Amino acid sequence: MPGGATKAAIAVHCYESRMPDGSVLSFHYADYAGGVVGILDYDFKEKDGAHGSLDGRRQDDLISAVWTRTIEGTTERQEVLIRLEPDRAVKANGELTAGADGVLRLKDRSAATFNERFERVQCD
């Protein structure tokens, strides 16, 4: 690079949830340009999955993002909340409602349940 500058590495954080049936749920993210970007994939063994990118913000240990996902050839956008813990990430689930902007949003964030666990793994 000109002037002896080096290219900065971006730290990627990787998490997975492996199910007994062979299904794999994965969540990867990086802090980038004041926000958070990442991937959230649900690769189910016996049924269609959901795959897509995340774009949002991180405040302390909480990521709030929009997941642009594809399910059975249809693209949808959904709000996701993910709490970061020392060795895992935990996604919130709750009732969704369509926002005026077309994004499926949690109807009541305070009623959302953090119950979908992803364990930290080595990034490939």
C-alpha atoms as a PDB file:
ATOM      1  CA  MET A   1       0.000   0.000   0.000  1.00  0.00           C
ATOM      2  CA  PRO A   2       1.246   3.547  -0.652  1.00  0.00           C
ATOM      3  CA  GLY A   3       3.290   5.221   2.047  1.00  0.00           C
ATOM      4  CA  GLY A   4       3.881   1.967   3.911  1.00  0.00           C
ATOM      5  CA  ALA A   5       0.283   1.814   5.172  1.00  0.00           C
ATOM      6  CA  THR A   6      -1.115  -1.606   5.945  1.00  0.00           C
ATOM      7  CA  LYS A   7      -4.591  -2.898   5.402  1.00  0.00           C
ATOM      8  CA  ALA A   8      -6.512  -3.253   8.680  1.00  0.00           C
ATOM      9  CA  ALA A   9      -8.059  -6.616   9.462  1.00  0.00           C
ATOM     10  CA  ILE A  10     -11.733  -6.698  10.440  1.00  0.00           C
ATOM     11  CA  ALA A  11     -12.499  -9.086  13.285  1.00  0.00           C
ATOM     12  CA  VAL A  12     -15.324 -11.478  12.452  1.00  0.00           C
ATOM     13  CA  HIS A  13     -17.174 -13.208  15.296  1.00  0.00           C
ATOM     14  CA  CYS A  14     -18.717 -16.609  14.532  1.00  0.00           C
ATOM     15  CA  TYR A  15     -21.444 -18.573  16.322  1.00  0.00           C
ATOM     16  CA  GLU A  16     -23.355 -21.769  15.530  1.00  0.00           C
ATOM     17  CA  SER A  17     -26.152 -23.900  16.830  1.00  0.00           C
ATOM     18  CA  ARG A  18     -26.008 -27.549  15.710  1.00  0.00           C
ATOM     19  CA  MET A  19     -29.205 -29.567  16.038  1.00  0.00           C
ATOM     20  CA  PRO A  20     -29.384 -33.343  16.651  1.00  0.00           C
ATOM     21  CA  ASP A  21     -30.962 -33.845  13.188  1.00  0.00           C
ATOM     22  CA  GLY A  22     -27.947 -32.242  11.451  1.00  0.00           C
ATOM     23  CA  SER A  23     -29.476 -28.793  10.968  1.00  0.00           C
ATOM     24  CA  VAL A  24     -27.043 -25.903  11.453  1.00  0.00           C
ATOM     25  CA  LEU A  25     -27.952 -22.345  12.418  1.00  0.00           C
ATOM     26  CA  SER A  26     -25.099 -19.873  12.042  1.00  0.00           C
ATOM     27  CA  PHE A  27     -24.552 -16.226  12.947  1.00  0.00           C
ATOM     28  CA  HIS A  28     -21.445 -14.257  11.963  1.00  0.00           C
ATOM     29  CA  TYR A  29     -20.906 -10.545  12.484  1.00  0.00           C
ATOM     30  CA  ALA A  30     -18.289  -7.811  12.349  1.00  0.00           C
ATOM     31  CA  ASP A  31     -18.262  -4.308  13.780  1.00  0.00           C
ATOM     32  CA  TYR A  32     -17.798  -2.130  10.698  1.00  0.00           C
ATOM     33  CA  ALA A  33     -17.937   1.613   9.979  1.00  0.00           C
ATOM     34  CA  GLY A  34     -19.827   2.447  13.175  1.00  0.00           C
ATOM     35  CA  GLY A  35     -22.351  -0.336  12.725  1.00  0.00           C
ATOM     36  CA  VAL A  36     -22.647  -4.099  12.550  1.00  0.00           C
ATOM     37  CA  VAL A  37     -22.786  -6.252   9.427  1.00  0.00           C
ATOM     38  CA  GLY A  38     -23.187  -9.990   9.331  1.00  0.00           C
ATOM     39  CA  ILE A  39     -24.868 -13.146   8.146  1.00  0.00           C
ATOM     40  CA  LEU A  40     -27.644 -15.180   9.752  1.00  0.00           C
ATOM     41  CA  ASP A  41     -28.324 -18.566   8.118  1.00  0.00           C
ATOM     42  CA  TYR A  42     -30.734 -21.331   9.058  1.00  0.00           C
ATOM     43  CA  ASP A  43     -29.734 -24.497   7.192  1.00  0.00           C
ATOM     44  CA  PHE A  44     -32.392 -27.055   8.124  1.00  0.00           C
ATOM     45  CA  LYS A  45     -31.797 -30.726   7.301  1.00  0.00           C
ATOM     46  CA  GLU A  46     -35.279 -31.695   6.108  1.00  0.00           C
ATOM     47  CA  LYS A  47     -36.914 -28.388   5.153  1.00  0.00           C
ATOM     48  CA  ASP A  48     -36.226 -25.052   3.504  1.00  0.00           C
ATOM     49  CA  GLY A  49     -33.900 -22.734   5.349  1.00  0.00           C
ATOM     50  CA  ALA A  50     -33.546 -18.988   5.612  1.00  0.00           C
ATOM     51  CA  HIS A  51     -30.379 -17.230   4.520  1.00  0.00           C
ATOM     52  CA  GLY A  52     -29.423 -13.593   4.544  1.00  0.00           C
ATOM     53  CA  SER A  53     -27.417 -10.598   5.646  1.00  0.00           C
ATOM     54  CA  LEU A  54     -27.664  -8.389   8.732  1.00  0.00           C
ATOM     55  CA  ASP A  55     -27.145  -4.647   8.921  1.00  0.00           C
ATOM     56  CA  GLY A  56     -27.559  -2.751  12.153  1.00  0.00           C
ATOM     57  CA  ARG A  57     -26.067  -1.266  15.283  1.00  0.00           C
ATOM     58  CA  ARG A  58     -24.511  -2.552  18.466  1.00  0.00           C
ATOM     59  CA  GLN A  59     -25.036  -0.901  21.819  1.00  0.00           C
ATOM     60  CA  ASP A  60     -22.985  -2.539  24.553  1.00  0.00           C
ATOM     61  CA  ASP A  61     -23.881  -6.246  24.285  1.00  0.00           C
ATOM     62  CA  LEU A  62     -27.060  -5.883  22.207  1.00  0.00           C
ATOM     63  CA  ILE A  63     -27.171  -5.986  18.411  1.00  0.00           C
ATOM     64  CA  SER A  64     -30.275  -4.510  16.787  1.00  0.00           C
ATOM     65  CA  ALA A  65     -30.337  -5.193  13.050  1.00  0.00           C
ATOM     66  CA  VAL A  66     -32.453  -5.827   9.989  1.00  0.00           C
ATOM     67  CA  TRP A  67     -32.062  -9.305   8.525  1.00  0.00           C
ATOM     68  CA  THR A  68     -32.622  -9.354   4.771  1.00  0.00           C
ATOM     69  CA  ARG A  69     -33.379 -13.028   4.254  1.00  0.00           C
ATOM     70  CA  THR A  70     -34.471 -15.360   1.478  1.00  0.00           C
ATOM     71  CA  ILE A  71     -36.930 -18.151   2.246  1.00  0.00           C
ATOM     72  CA  GLU A  72     -38.206 -20.393  -0.561  1.00  0.00           C
ATOM     73  CA  GLY A  73     -37.201 -17.793  -3.166  1.00  0.00           C
ATOM     74  CA  THR A  74     -38.943 -14.911  -1.388  1.00  0.00           C
ATOM     75  CA  THR A  75     -36.980 -12.037   0.131  1.00  0.00           C
ATOM     76  CA  GLU A  76     -38.189 -10.548   3.424  1.00  0.00           C
ATOM     77  CA  ARG A  77     -36.727  -8.088   5.899  1.00  0.00           C
ATOM     78  CA  GLN A  78     -37.031  -8.729   9.633  1.00  0.00           C
ATOM     79  CA  GLU A  79     -35.845  -6.919  12.740  1.00  0.00           C
ATOM     80  CA  VAL A  80     -33.612  -9.070  14.955  1.00  0.00           C
ATOM     81  CA  LEU A  81     -32.209  -8.530  18.445  1.00  0.00           C
ATOM     82  CA  ILE A  82     -29.155 -10.524  19.489  1.00  0.00           C
ATOM     83  CA  ARG A  83     -27.591 -10.374  22.942  1.00  0.00           C
ATOM     84  CA  LEU A  84     -23.865 -11.109  23.105  1.00  0.00           C
ATOM     85  CA  GLU A  85     -22.537 -13.138  26.046  1.00  0.00           C
ATOM     86  CA  PRO A  86     -18.929 -14.241  26.705  1.00  0.00           C
ATOM     87  CA  ASP A  87     -19.131 -17.532  24.741  1.00  0.00           C
ATOM     88  CA  ARG A  88     -22.489 -17.310  22.975  1.00  0.00           C
ATOM     89  CA  ALA A  89     -24.980 -15.100  21.203  1.00  0.00           C
ATOM     90  CA  VAL A  90     -28.695 -15.329  22.014  1.00  0.00           C
ATOM     91  CA  LYS A  91     -31.380 -14.212  19.537  1.00  0.00           C
ATOM     92  CA  ALA A  92     -34.732 -12.872  20.698  1.00  0.00           C
ATOM     93  CA  ASN A  93     -38.019 -14.248  19.393  1.00  0.00           C
ATOM     94  CA  GLY A  94     -41.465 -12.773  19.661  1.00  0.00           C
ATOM     95  CA  GLU A  95     -44.592 -11.803  17.794  1.00  0.00           C
ATOM     96  CA  LEU A  96     -43.847  -9.923  14.569  1.00  0.00           C
ATOM     97  CA  THR A  97     -45.845  -7.204  12.859  1.00  0.00           C
ATOM     98  CA  ALA A  98     -45.314  -5.508   9.491  1.00  0.00           C
ATOM     99  CA  GLY A  99     -43.878  -2.026   9.859  1.00  0.00           C
ATOM    100  CA  ALA A 100     -44.755   0.888   7.573  1.00  0.00           C
ATOM    101  CA  ASP A 101     -41.326   0.432   5.965  1.00  0.00           C
ATOM    102  CA  GLY A 102     -42.088  -3.205   5.050  1.00  0.00           C
ATOM    103  CA  VAL A 103     -39.805  -4.624   7.745  1.00  0.00           C
ATOM    104  CA  LEU A 104     -41.262  -7.324  10.013  1.00  0.00           C
ATOM    105  CA  ARG A 105     -40.710  -5.880  13.486  1.00  0.00           C
ATOM    106  CA  LEU A 106     -41.070  -7.242  16.988  1.00  0.00           C
ATOM    107  CA  LYS A 107     -44.517  -6.137  18.111  1.00  0.00           C
ATOM    108  CA  ASP A 108     -43.311  -5.609  21.693  1.00  0.00           C
ATOM    109  CA  ARG A 109     -39.547  -5.660  22.250  1.00  0.00           C
ATOM    110  CA  SER A 110     -40.000  -5.903  26.016  1.00  0.00           C
ATOM    111  CA  ALA A 111     -42.006  -9.131  25.585  1.00  0.00           C
ATOM    112  CA  ALA A 112     -39.419 -10.755  23.290  1.00  0.00           C
ATOM    113  CA  THR A 113     -37.772 -13.876  24.701  1.00  0.00           C
ATOM    114  CA  PHE A 114     -34.019 -14.395  24.280  1.00  0.00           C
ATOM    115  CA  ASN A 115     -34.047 -18.154  23.752  1.00  0.00           C
ATOM    116  CA  GLU A 116     -32.234 -19.024  20.519  1.00  0.00           C
ATOM    117  CA  ARG A 117     -28.637 -19.829  21.484  1.00  0.00           C
ATOM    118  CA  PHE A 118     -25.594 -19.843  19.243  1.00  0.00           C
ATOM    119  CA  GLU A 119     -22.255 -21.049  20.681  1.00  0.00           C
ATOM    120  CA  ARG A 120     -18.995 -19.292  19.752  1.00  0.00           C
ATOM    121  CA  VAL A 121     -16.994 -21.219  17.141  1.00  0.00           C
ATOM    122  CA  GLN A 122     -13.754 -20.715  15.264  1.00  0.00           C
ATOM    123  CA  CYS A 123     -14.409 -18.825  12.035  1.00  0.00           C
ATOM    124  CA  ASP A 124     -13.499 -20.765   8.878  1.00  0.00           C
END
